[in-house]
Amino acid sequence: MRIAVPLAQGKLSLHFGHCEEFALVDVDEQTKEISNIAKLQPPSHQPGVLPRWLSEQQADVIIAGGMGQRAQQLFAQNNIKVVIGASGQAPEELVSAYLQGTLETGDNICDH
């Protein structure tokens, strides 16, 4: 499984479309352990580009602070599960909490 986390200054970017880079975290679903973390520069933010790009990067899940409804639909069309309402932590902490079922999520901070 590959989990995408949008980053700003090494921690979760609260709005995925304005992130500096993405952490792509590979995990073993059986052991729930992180096997690799790659950080990639995303293409320029335009509607529909990031869901398609992350699909090409073989992401299965995206953990975000906030995301508009249209973006959520585009991720779903690209077979990427969306987890929103996470708070600004390091990608390893977010992914570990997600795998353990303890990731705390709140409101979607995006209003568009």
C-alpha atoms as a PDB file:
ATOM      1  CA  MET A   1       0.000   0.000   0.000  1.00  0.00           C
ATOM      2  CA  ARG A   2       1.213   3.513  -0.766  1.00  0.00           C
ATOM      3  CA  ILE A   3      -0.057   6.473   1.247  1.00  0.00           C
ATOM      4  CA  ALA A   4       0.382  10.049   0.033  1.00  0.00           C
ATOM      5  CA  VAL A   5       0.826  12.890   2.512  1.00  0.00           C
ATOM      6  CA  PRO A   6       1.036  16.529   1.298  1.00  0.00           C
ATOM      7  CA  LEU A   7       3.827  18.367   3.121  1.00  0.00           C
ATOM      8  CA  ALA A   8       4.801  21.911   3.995  1.00  0.00           C
ATOM      9  CA  GLN A   9       8.005  22.331   6.002  1.00  0.00           C
ATOM     10  CA  GLY A  10       8.170  18.585   6.645  1.00  0.00           C
ATOM     11  CA  LYS A  11       4.705  18.269   8.190  1.00  0.00           C
ATOM     12  CA  LEU A  12       1.181  17.782   6.893  1.00  0.00           C
ATOM     13  CA  SER A  13       0.122  20.688   4.697  1.00  0.00           C
ATOM     14  CA  LEU A  14      -3.373  21.635   5.771  1.00  0.00           C
ATOM     15  CA  HIS A  15      -4.470  22.101   2.157  1.00  0.00           C
ATOM     16  CA  PHE A  16      -3.102  19.470  -0.203  1.00  0.00           C
ATOM     17  CA  GLY A  17      -3.230  21.748  -3.259  1.00  0.00           C
ATOM     18  CA  HIS A  18      -0.757  24.199  -1.754  1.00  0.00           C
ATOM     19  CA  CYS A  19       1.863  21.754  -0.524  1.00  0.00           C
ATOM     20  CA  GLU A  20       5.605  21.979  -1.197  1.00  0.00           C
ATOM     21  CA  GLU A  21       6.043  18.238  -1.703  1.00  0.00           C
ATOM     22  CA  PHE A  22       4.353  14.894  -1.202  1.00  0.00           C
ATOM     23  CA  ALA A  23       5.630  12.096   0.979  1.00  0.00           C
ATOM     24  CA  LEU A  24       4.804   8.765  -0.629  1.00  0.00           C
ATOM     25  CA  VAL A  25       4.914   6.225   2.160  1.00  0.00           C
ATOM     26  CA  ASP A  26       5.089   2.528   1.287  1.00  0.00           C
ATOM     27  CA  VAL A  27       3.698   0.223   3.945  1.00  0.00           C
ATOM     28  CA  ASP A  28       3.347  -3.501   4.430  1.00  0.00           C
ATOM     29  CA  GLU A  29      -0.355  -4.087   5.077  1.00  0.00           C
ATOM     30  CA  GLN A  30       0.324  -7.339   6.941  1.00  0.00           C
ATOM     31  CA  THR A  31       2.915  -6.046   9.424  1.00  0.00           C
ATOM     32  CA  LYS A  32       1.687  -2.425   9.357  1.00  0.00           C
ATOM     33  CA  GLU A  33       5.262  -1.248   9.042  1.00  0.00           C
ATOM     34  CA  ILE A  34       6.655   1.524   6.857  1.00  0.00           C
ATOM     35  CA  SER A  35       9.071   0.128   4.280  1.00  0.00           C
ATOM     36  CA  ASN A  36      10.003   3.296   2.358  1.00  0.00           C
ATOM     37  CA  ILE A  37       9.347   7.036   2.215  1.00  0.00           C
ATOM     38  CA  ALA A  38       9.938   9.036  -0.956  1.00  0.00           C
ATOM     39  CA  LYS A  39       9.449  12.791  -1.188  1.00  0.00           C
ATOM     40  CA  LEU A  40       8.462  14.155  -4.580  1.00  0.00           C
ATOM     41  CA  GLN A  41       7.738  17.603  -5.986  1.00  0.00           C
ATOM     42  CA  PRO A  42       4.174  17.721  -7.332  1.00  0.00           C
ATOM     43  CA  PRO A  43       3.243  19.264 -10.659  1.00  0.00           C
ATOM     44  CA  SER A  44       1.682  22.735 -10.635  1.00  0.00           C
ATOM     45  CA  HIS A  45      -1.675  22.792  -8.872  1.00  0.00           C
ATOM     46  CA  GLN A  46      -4.517  22.885 -11.356  1.00  0.00           C
ATOM     47  CA  PRO A  47      -7.916  21.197 -11.042  1.00  0.00           C
ATOM     48  CA  GLY A  48      -7.628  17.461 -11.618  1.00  0.00           C
ATOM     49  CA  VAL A  49      -3.826  17.325 -11.955  1.00  0.00           C
ATOM     50  CA  LEU A  50      -2.865  16.097  -8.473  1.00  0.00           C
ATOM     51  CA  PRO A  51      -5.338  13.173  -8.277  1.00  0.00           C
ATOM     52  CA  ARG A  52      -4.149  11.933 -11.678  1.00  0.00           C
ATOM     53  CA  TRP A  53      -0.473  12.446 -10.773  1.00  0.00           C
ATOM     54  CA  LEU A  54      -0.841  10.603  -7.456  1.00  0.00           C
ATOM     55  CA  SER A  55      -2.613   7.777  -9.271  1.00  0.00           C
ATOM     56  CA  GLU A  56       0.386   7.562 -11.606  1.00  0.00           C
ATOM     57  CA  GLN A  57       2.588   7.383  -8.482  1.00  0.00           C
ATOM     58  CA  GLN A  58       0.455   4.379  -7.406  1.00  0.00           C
ATOM     59  CA  ALA A  59      -0.988   6.035  -4.299  1.00  0.00           C
ATOM     60  CA  ASP A  60      -3.818   4.107  -2.634  1.00  0.00           C
ATOM     61  CA  VAL A  61      -4.681   6.609   0.112  1.00  0.00           C
ATOM     62  CA  ILE A  62      -4.196  10.338   0.675  1.00  0.00           C
ATOM     63  CA  ILE A  63      -4.179  11.804   4.172  1.00  0.00           C
ATOM     64  CA  ALA A  64      -5.033  15.516   4.109  1.00  0.00           C
ATOM     65  CA  GLY A  65      -6.072  18.318   6.403  1.00  0.00           C
ATOM     66  CA  GLY A  66      -8.630  19.739   4.027  1.00  0.00           C
ATOM     67  CA  MET A  67      -9.924  19.102   0.547  1.00  0.00           C
ATOM     68  CA  GLY A  68     -12.770  20.427  -1.569  1.00  0.00           C
ATOM     69  CA  GLN A  69     -15.641  18.198  -2.684  1.00  0.00           C
ATOM     70  CA  ARG A  70     -14.579  18.208  -6.331  1.00  0.00           C
ATOM     71  CA  ALA A  71     -11.048  17.084  -5.422  1.00  0.00           C
ATOM     72  CA  GLN A  72     -12.490  14.286  -3.271  1.00  0.00           C
ATOM     73  CA  GLN A  73     -14.535  13.116  -6.254  1.00  0.00           C
ATOM     74  CA  LEU A  74     -11.485  13.196  -8.524  1.00  0.00           C
ATOM     75  CA  PHE A  75      -9.471  11.121  -6.057  1.00  0.00           C
ATOM     76  CA  ALA A  76     -12.327   8.610  -5.857  1.00  0.00           C
ATOM     77  CA  GLN A  77     -12.400   8.388  -9.673  1.00  0.00           C
ATOM     78  CA  ASN A  78      -8.671   7.579  -9.520  1.00  0.00           C
ATOM     79  CA  ASN A  79      -9.289   4.839  -6.909  1.00  0.00           C
ATOM     80  CA  ILE A  80      -7.541   6.753  -4.120  1.00  0.00           C
ATOM     81  CA  LYS A  81      -9.134   6.687  -0.676  1.00  0.00           C
ATOM     82  CA  VAL A  82      -9.357  10.144   0.927  1.00  0.00           C
ATOM     83  CA  VAL A  83      -8.820  10.712   4.653  1.00  0.00           C
ATOM     84  CA  ILE A  84      -9.440  14.334   5.629  1.00  0.00           C
ATOM     85  CA  GLY A  85      -9.343  16.351   8.821  1.00  0.00           C
ATOM     86  CA  ALA A  86      -5.881  15.228   9.957  1.00  0.00           C
ATOM     87  CA  SER A  87      -3.665  17.688  11.804  1.00  0.00           C
ATOM     88  CA  GLY A  88      -0.129  18.823  10.991  1.00  0.00           C
ATOM     89  CA  GLN A  89       2.193  16.007  11.976  1.00  0.00           C
ATOM     90  CA  ALA A  90       5.150  14.318  10.316  1.00  0.00           C
ATOM     91  CA  PRO A  91       4.174  11.788   7.610  1.00  0.00           C
ATOM     92  CA  GLU A  92       5.543   8.816   9.585  1.00  0.00           C
ATOM     93  CA  GLU A  93       3.344   9.687  12.574  1.00  0.00           C
ATOM     94  CA  LEU A  94       0.237  10.151  10.429  1.00  0.00           C
ATOM     95  CA  VAL A  95       0.727   6.928   8.505  1.00  0.00           C
ATOM     96  CA  SER A  96       1.493   4.903  11.637  1.00  0.00           C
ATOM     97  CA  ALA A  97      -1.648   6.233  13.334  1.00  0.00           C
ATOM     98  CA  TYR A  98      -3.698   5.491  10.194  1.00  0.00           C
ATOM     99  CA  LEU A  99      -2.414   1.907  10.079  1.00  0.00           C
ATOM    100  CA  GLN A 100      -3.150   1.386  13.778  1.00  0.00           C
ATOM    101  CA  GLY A 101      -6.655   2.846  13.420  1.00  0.00           C
ATOM    102  CA  THR A 102      -5.841   5.691  15.814  1.00  0.00           C
ATOM    103  CA  LEU A 103      -5.534   8.613  13.395  1.00  0.00           C
ATOM    104  CA  GLU A 104      -7.556  11.488  14.804  1.00  0.00           C
ATOM    105  CA  THR A 105      -9.455  13.458  12.219  1.00  0.00           C
ATOM    106  CA  GLY A 106     -11.557  16.539  12.670  1.00  0.00           C
ATOM    107  CA  ASP A 107     -13.448  18.816  10.361  1.00  0.00           C
ATOM    108  CA  ASN A 108     -12.510  19.299   6.746  1.00  0.00           C
ATOM    109  CA  ILE A 109     -10.747  22.651   6.879  1.00  0.00           C
ATOM    110  CA  CYS A 110     -11.372  23.323   3.205  1.00  0.00           C
ATOM    111  CA  ASP A 111     -14.470  25.295   2.320  1.00  0.00           C
ATOM    112  CA  HIS A 112     -14.492  24.883  -1.471  1.00  0.00           C
END
